[in-house]
């Protein structure tokens, strides 16, 4: 029987290391040691490192999706404001991290999309799920009269997600908030400023 706590520890410790070092630069033994799990136990919980990587994507995705759900449930503010605060939450995390790391799913995509087809497919699905969550904010804003009724929420949410990921990539390079200010200015002052 699989010990869920041990598997959780492997994923959480592996996520921490891979977030900073990358998937290919992190060895299985390093993950086992960090999680205080005996060597050789890895394959009891995962078929191989690819399987671990795919489950790691799901782990990273939970933070994005649960953060979005938390902000969507706040009924005292507009949907546009909820979306802005959702991005603020992540920006504060990145600031606190010295602008290092960026988005773990985007990092994983940059590293592994050309190297492993199964991981690439799961990452693509993860981005679709992220996009669909952003679209929920926009759909709520349309229903609430904050945005035009004919807004293509899928297209705009894709643009916002792609812009966000690009800004995160740039803040990793610049180590300051300026790329994110551009993102906020364009998205919230221009693109989504209907009223």
C-alpha atoms as a PDB file:
ATOM      1  CA  UNK A   1       0.000   0.000   0.000  1.00  0.00           C
ATOM      2  CA  UNK A   2       1.322   3.441  -0.982  1.00  0.00           C
ATOM      3  CA  UNK A   3       2.043   5.754   1.956  1.00  0.00           C
ATOM      4  CA  UNK A   4       0.364   9.022   0.914  1.00  0.00           C
ATOM      5  CA  UNK A   5       2.445  11.115   3.318  1.00  0.00           C
ATOM      6  CA  UNK A   6       5.705   9.767   1.891  1.00  0.00           C
ATOM      7  CA  UNK A   7       4.557  10.378  -1.655  1.00  0.00           C
ATOM      8  CA  UNK A   8       3.454  13.890  -0.700  1.00  0.00           C
ATOM      9  CA  UNK A   9       6.859  14.555   0.884  1.00  0.00           C
ATOM     10  CA  UNK A  10       8.635  13.388  -2.274  1.00  0.00           C
ATOM     11  CA  UNK A  11       6.520  15.673  -4.464  1.00  0.00           C
ATOM     12  CA  UNK A  12       6.815  18.686  -2.137  1.00  0.00           C
ATOM     13  CA  UNK A  13      10.583  18.381  -1.639  1.00  0.00           C
ATOM     14  CA  UNK A  14      11.079  17.576  -5.304  1.00  0.00           C
ATOM     15  CA  UNK A  15       9.024  20.641  -6.243  1.00  0.00           C
ATOM     16  CA  UNK A  16      11.199  22.895  -4.072  1.00  0.00           C
ATOM     17  CA  UNK A  17      14.435  21.619  -5.580  1.00  0.00           C
ATOM     18  CA  UNK A  18      13.218  21.488  -9.188  1.00  0.00           C
ATOM     19  CA  UNK A  19      11.772  24.999  -8.914  1.00  0.00           C
ATOM     20  CA  UNK A  20      15.272  26.309  -8.226  1.00  0.00           C
ATOM     21  CA  UNK A  21      17.453  23.876 -10.197  1.00  0.00           C
ATOM     22  CA  UNK A  22      15.287  22.519 -13.005  1.00  0.00           C
ATOM     23  CA  UNK A  23      14.021  19.025 -13.748  1.00  0.00           C
ATOM     24  CA  UNK A  24      17.083  17.633 -15.531  1.00  0.00           C
ATOM     25  CA  UNK A  25      19.503  19.122 -12.990  1.00  0.00           C
ATOM     26  CA  UNK A  26      17.752  17.374 -10.104  1.00  0.00           C
ATOM     27  CA  UNK A  27      18.530  13.750  -9.365  1.00  0.00           C
ATOM     28  CA  UNK A  28      16.212  11.199  -7.834  1.00  0.00           C
ATOM     29  CA  UNK A  29      18.654  10.578  -4.966  1.00  0.00           C
ATOM     30  CA  UNK A  30      18.667  14.306  -4.169  1.00  0.00           C
ATOM     31  CA  UNK A  31      14.866  14.262  -3.888  1.00  0.00           C
ATOM     32  CA  UNK A  32      14.894  11.109  -1.735  1.00  0.00           C
ATOM     33  CA  UNK A  33      17.496  12.609   0.593  1.00  0.00           C
ATOM     34  CA  UNK A  34      15.608  15.913   0.932  1.00  0.00           C
ATOM     35  CA  UNK A  35      12.386  14.029   1.742  1.00  0.00           C
ATOM     36  CA  UNK A  36      14.214  11.654   4.159  1.00  0.00           C
ATOM     37  CA  UNK A  37      12.985   8.666   2.178  1.00  0.00           C
ATOM     38  CA  UNK A  38      15.217   5.577   1.815  1.00  0.00           C
ATOM     39  CA  UNK A  39      17.063   5.151  -1.468  1.00  0.00           C
ATOM     40  CA  UNK A  40      15.325   2.810  -3.836  1.00  0.00           C
ATOM     41  CA  UNK A  41      11.861   3.829  -2.595  1.00  0.00           C
ATOM     42  CA  UNK A  42      11.234   6.278  -5.428  1.00  0.00           C
ATOM     43  CA  UNK A  43       9.995   3.595  -7.835  1.00  0.00           C
ATOM     44  CA  UNK A  44       7.527   2.369  -5.247  1.00  0.00           C
ATOM     45  CA  UNK A  45       5.688   5.697  -5.619  1.00  0.00           C
ATOM     46  CA  UNK A  46       6.409   6.632  -9.257  1.00  0.00           C
ATOM     47  CA  UNK A  47       6.863   4.550 -12.412  1.00  0.00           C
ATOM     48  CA  UNK A  48       9.877   6.634 -13.425  1.00  0.00           C
ATOM     49  CA  UNK A  49      11.124  10.208 -13.389  1.00  0.00           C
ATOM     50  CA  UNK A  50       8.714  11.126 -16.208  1.00  0.00           C
ATOM     51  CA  UNK A  51       5.767   9.964 -14.097  1.00  0.00           C
ATOM     52  CA  UNK A  52       7.134  12.019 -11.210  1.00  0.00           C
ATOM     53  CA  UNK A  53       7.395  15.050 -13.521  1.00  0.00           C
ATOM     54  CA  UNK A  54       3.802  14.710 -14.698  1.00  0.00           C
ATOM     55  CA  UNK A  55       2.561  14.476 -11.103  1.00  0.00           C
ATOM     56  CA  UNK A  56       4.754  17.454 -10.224  1.00  0.00           C
ATOM     57  CA  UNK A  57       2.982  19.531 -12.885  1.00  0.00           C
ATOM     58  CA  UNK A  58      -0.308  18.740 -11.158  1.00  0.00           C
ATOM     59  CA  UNK A  59       1.237  19.824  -7.850  1.00  0.00           C
ATOM     60  CA  UNK A  60       2.360  23.156  -9.310  1.00  0.00           C
ATOM     61  CA  UNK A  61      -1.003  23.664 -11.016  1.00  0.00           C
ATOM     62  CA  UNK A  62      -2.968  23.329  -7.768  1.00  0.00           C
ATOM     63  CA  UNK A  63      -1.501  26.580  -6.424  1.00  0.00           C
ATOM     64  CA  UNK A  64      -2.615  28.532  -9.489  1.00  0.00           C
ATOM     65  CA  UNK A  65      -6.096  26.995  -9.643  1.00  0.00           C
ATOM     66  CA  UNK A  66      -6.812  27.184  -5.905  1.00  0.00           C
ATOM     67  CA  UNK A  67      -5.577  30.790  -5.812  1.00  0.00           C
ATOM     68  CA  UNK A  68      -7.969  31.634  -8.635  1.00  0.00           C
ATOM     69  CA  UNK A  69     -10.867  29.855  -6.906  1.00  0.00           C
ATOM     70  CA  UNK A  70     -10.138  31.731  -3.682  1.00  0.00           C
ATOM     71  CA  UNK A  71     -10.270  35.106  -5.480  1.00  0.00           C
ATOM     72  CA  UNK A  72     -13.304  34.164  -7.596  1.00  0.00           C
ATOM     73  CA  UNK A  73     -15.251  33.441  -4.406  1.00  0.00           C
ATOM     74  CA  UNK A  74     -14.781  37.001  -3.080  1.00  0.00           C
ATOM     75  CA  UNK A  75     -18.142  38.614  -3.840  1.00  0.00           C
ATOM     76  CA  UNK A  76     -17.483  42.099  -2.452  1.00  0.00           C
ATOM     77  CA  UNK A  77     -15.415  43.304  -5.410  1.00  0.00           C
ATOM     78  CA  UNK A  78     -15.723  43.398  -9.186  1.00  0.00           C
ATOM     79  CA  UNK A  79     -14.431  40.489 -11.252  1.00  0.00           C
ATOM     80  CA  UNK A  80     -11.732  42.716 -12.749  1.00  0.00           C
ATOM     81  CA  UNK A  81     -10.573  43.693  -9.265  1.00  0.00           C
ATOM     82  CA  UNK A  82     -10.594  40.032  -8.216  1.00  0.00           C
ATOM     83  CA  UNK A  83      -8.410  39.174 -11.213  1.00  0.00           C
ATOM     84  CA  UNK A  84      -5.988  41.978 -10.380  1.00  0.00           C
ATOM     85  CA  UNK A  85      -5.737  40.833  -6.760  1.00  0.00           C
ATOM     86  CA  UNK A  86      -5.197  37.247  -7.958  1.00  0.00           C
ATOM     87  CA  UNK A  87      -2.143  38.404  -9.909  1.00  0.00           C
ATOM     88  CA  UNK A  88      -1.095  40.608  -6.954  1.00  0.00           C
ATOM     89  CA  UNK A  89      -0.914  37.493  -4.760  1.00  0.00           C
ATOM     90  CA  UNK A  90       1.607  35.897  -7.093  1.00  0.00           C
ATOM     91  CA  UNK A  91       3.539  39.116  -7.586  1.00  0.00           C
ATOM     92  CA  UNK A  92       4.005  39.430  -3.819  1.00  0.00           C
ATOM     93  CA  UNK A  93       5.347  35.870  -3.742  1.00  0.00           C
ATOM     94  CA  UNK A  94       7.835  36.641  -6.528  1.00  0.00           C
ATOM     95  CA  UNK A  95       8.917  39.877  -4.831  1.00  0.00           C
ATOM     96  CA  UNK A  96       9.505  37.971  -1.603  1.00  0.00           C
ATOM     97  CA  UNK A  97      11.586  35.476  -3.553  1.00  0.00           C
ATOM     98  CA  UNK A  98      13.838  38.209  -4.957  1.00  0.00           C
ATOM     99  CA  UNK A  99      12.186  37.783  -8.371  1.00  0.00           C
ATOM    100  CA  UNK A 100      13.868  34.404  -8.705  1.00  0.00           C
ATOM    101  CA  UNK A 101      12.074  31.300  -9.854  1.00  0.00           C
ATOM    102  CA  UNK A 102       9.181  32.626 -11.909  1.00  0.00           C
ATOM    103  CA  UNK A 103       6.283  30.368 -12.824  1.00  0.00           C
ATOM    104  CA  UNK A 104       7.173  26.708 -12.192  1.00  0.00           C
ATOM    105  CA  UNK A 105       4.901  25.494 -14.991  1.00  0.00           C
ATOM    106  CA  UNK A 106       6.452  27.909 -17.492  1.00  0.00           C
ATOM    107  CA  UNK A 107       9.948  26.960 -16.301  1.00  0.00           C
ATOM    108  CA  UNK A 108       9.093  23.294 -16.755  1.00  0.00           C
ATOM    109  CA  UNK A 109       7.703  24.076 -20.223  1.00  0.00           C
ATOM    110  CA  UNK A 110      10.862  25.880 -21.316  1.00  0.00           C
ATOM    111  CA  UNK A 111      13.043  23.033 -20.105  1.00  0.00           C
ATOM    112  CA  UNK A 112      11.083  19.934 -21.093  1.00  0.00           C
ATOM    113  CA  UNK A 113       8.722  20.661 -24.017  1.00  0.00           C
ATOM    114  CA  UNK A 114      11.278  19.699 -26.643  1.00  0.00           C
ATOM    115  CA  UNK A 115      12.631  16.755 -24.675  1.00  0.00           C
ATOM    116  CA  UNK A 116       9.622  14.737 -23.519  1.00  0.00           C
ATOM    117  CA  UNK A 117       6.339  14.466 -25.404  1.00  0.00           C
ATOM    118  CA  UNK A 118       4.279  13.154 -22.481  1.00  0.00           C
ATOM    119  CA  UNK A 119       5.418  15.974 -20.222  1.00  0.00           C
ATOM    120  CA  UNK A 120       4.823  18.483 -23.041  1.00  0.00           C
ATOM    121  CA  UNK A 121       1.243  17.281 -23.459  1.00  0.00           C
ATOM    122  CA  UNK A 122       0.552  17.533 -19.722  1.00  0.00           C
ATOM    123  CA  UNK A 123       2.048  21.029 -19.623  1.00  0.00           C
ATOM    124  CA  UNK A 124      -0.131  22.073 -22.552  1.00  0.00           C
ATOM    125  CA  UNK A 125      -3.197  20.806 -20.711  1.00  0.00           C
ATOM    126  CA  UNK A 126      -2.055  22.651 -17.569  1.00  0.00           C
ATOM    127  CA  UNK A 127      -1.849  25.907 -19.517  1.00  0.00           C
ATOM    128  CA  UNK A 128      -5.358  25.258 -20.870  1.00  0.00           C
ATOM    129  CA  UNK A 129      -6.603  24.826 -17.302  1.00  0.00           C
ATOM    130  CA  UNK A 130      -4.882  28.057 -16.229  1.00  0.00           C
ATOM    131  CA  UNK A 131      -6.386  29.871 -19.207  1.00  0.00           C
ATOM    132  CA  UNK A 132      -9.861  28.542 -18.402  1.00  0.00           C
ATOM    133  CA  UNK A 133      -9.586  29.880 -14.839  1.00  0.00           C
ATOM    134  CA  UNK A 134      -8.648  33.350 -16.072  1.00  0.00           C
ATOM    135  CA  UNK A 135     -11.564  33.170 -18.505  1.00  0.00           C
ATOM    136  CA  UNK A 136     -13.916  32.645 -15.531  1.00  0.00           C
ATOM    137  CA  UNK A 137     -12.965  36.083 -14.173  1.00  0.00           C
ATOM    138  CA  UNK A 138     -13.640  37.617 -17.588  1.00  0.00           C
ATOM    139  CA  UNK A 139     -16.938  35.762 -18.050  1.00  0.00           C
ATOM    140  CA  UNK A 140     -18.054  37.009 -14.641  1.00  0.00           C
ATOM    141  CA  UNK A 141     -17.025  40.535 -15.612  1.00  0.00           C
ATOM    142  CA  UNK A 142     -19.060  40.302 -18.842  1.00  0.00           C
ATOM    143  CA  UNK A 143     -22.148  39.079 -16.944  1.00  0.00           C
ATOM    144  CA  UNK A 144     -21.625  41.842 -14.388  1.00  0.00           C
ATOM    145  CA  UNK A 145     -21.450  44.550 -17.075  1.00  0.00           C
ATOM    146  CA  UNK A 146     -17.772  45.298 -16.405  1.00  0.00           C
ATOM    147  CA  UNK A 147     -16.749  44.215 -19.916  1.00  0.00           C
ATOM    148  CA  UNK A 148     -18.502  44.250 -23.310  1.00  0.00           C
ATOM    149  CA  UNK A 149     -20.974  41.452 -23.998  1.00  0.00           C
ATOM    150  CA  UNK A 150     -19.215  40.499 -27.230  1.00  0.00           C
ATOM    151  CA  UNK A 151     -15.786  40.068 -25.598  1.00  0.00           C
ATOM    152  CA  UNK A 152     -14.069  36.852 -26.668  1.00  0.00           C
ATOM    153  CA  UNK A 153     -13.136  35.772 -23.136  1.00  0.00           C
ATOM    154  CA  UNK A 154     -11.121  32.756 -24.330  1.00  0.00           C
ATOM    155  CA  UNK A 155      -8.977  34.862 -26.626  1.00  0.00           C
ATOM    156  CA  UNK A 156      -8.451  37.630 -24.065  1.00  0.00           C
ATOM    157  CA  UNK A 157      -7.658  35.169 -21.271  1.00  0.00           C
ATOM    158  CA  UNK A 158      -5.056  33.530 -23.524  1.00  0.00           C
ATOM    159  CA  UNK A 159      -3.497  36.915 -24.181  1.00  0.00           C
ATOM    160  CA  UNK A 160      -3.458  37.757 -20.471  1.00  0.00           C
ATOM    161  CA  UNK A 161      -1.881  34.417 -19.512  1.00  0.00           C
ATOM    162  CA  UNK A 162       0.761  34.676 -22.241  1.00  0.00           C
ATOM    163  CA  UNK A 163       1.535  38.268 -21.227  1.00  0.00           C
ATOM    164  CA  UNK A 164       1.752  37.296 -17.561  1.00  0.00           C
ATOM    165  CA  UNK A 165       4.162  34.456 -18.304  1.00  0.00           C
ATOM    166  CA  UNK A 166       6.277  36.749 -20.483  1.00  0.00           C
ATOM    167  CA  UNK A 167       6.412  39.359 -17.715  1.00  0.00           C
ATOM    168  CA  UNK A 168       7.492  36.682 -15.219  1.00  0.00           C
ATOM    169  CA  UNK A 169      10.270  35.609 -17.539  1.00  0.00           C
ATOM    170  CA  UNK A 170      11.462  39.203 -17.814  1.00  0.00           C
ATOM    171  CA  UNK A 171      11.398  39.849 -14.046  1.00  0.00           C
ATOM    172  CA  UNK A 172      13.666  36.825 -13.618  1.00  0.00           C
ATOM    173  CA  UNK A 173      16.143  38.642 -15.874  1.00  0.00           C
ATOM    174  CA  UNK A 174      15.714  42.214 -14.640  1.00  0.00           C
ATOM    175  CA  UNK A 175      15.192  41.323 -10.949  1.00  0.00           C
ATOM    176  CA  UNK A 176      12.725  44.177 -10.608  1.00  0.00           C
ATOM    177  CA  UNK A 177       9.015  44.830 -10.952  1.00  0.00           C
ATOM    178  CA  UNK A 178       9.120  46.945 -14.144  1.00  0.00           C
ATOM    179  CA  UNK A 179       7.995  44.211 -16.599  1.00  0.00           C
ATOM    180  CA  UNK A 180       5.071  43.492 -14.295  1.00  0.00           C
ATOM    181  CA  UNK A 181       4.136  47.175 -14.182  1.00  0.00           C
ATOM    182  CA  UNK A 182       3.872  47.094 -17.968  1.00  0.00           C
ATOM    183  CA  UNK A 183       1.652  44.019 -17.725  1.00  0.00           C
ATOM    184  CA  UNK A 184      -0.623  45.688 -15.139  1.00  0.00           C
ATOM    185  CA  UNK A 185      -0.786  48.972 -17.021  1.00  0.00           C
ATOM    186  CA  UNK A 186      -1.753  47.417 -20.310  1.00  0.00           C
ATOM    187  CA  UNK A 187      -4.094  44.716 -19.009  1.00  0.00           C
ATOM    188  CA  UNK A 188      -5.936  46.640 -16.303  1.00  0.00           C
ATOM    189  CA  UNK A 189      -5.754  50.234 -17.529  1.00  0.00           C
ATOM    190  CA  UNK A 190      -6.222  49.597 -21.247  1.00  0.00           C
ATOM    191  CA  UNK A 191      -7.413  46.115 -22.209  1.00  0.00           C
ATOM    192  CA  UNK A 192      -9.955  45.562 -19.396  1.00  0.00           C
ATOM    193  CA  UNK A 193     -10.917  49.191 -18.765  1.00  0.00           C
ATOM    194  CA  UNK A 194     -14.445  49.173 -20.216  1.00  0.00           C
ATOM    195  CA  UNK A 195     -16.323  51.579 -17.927  1.00  0.00           C
END
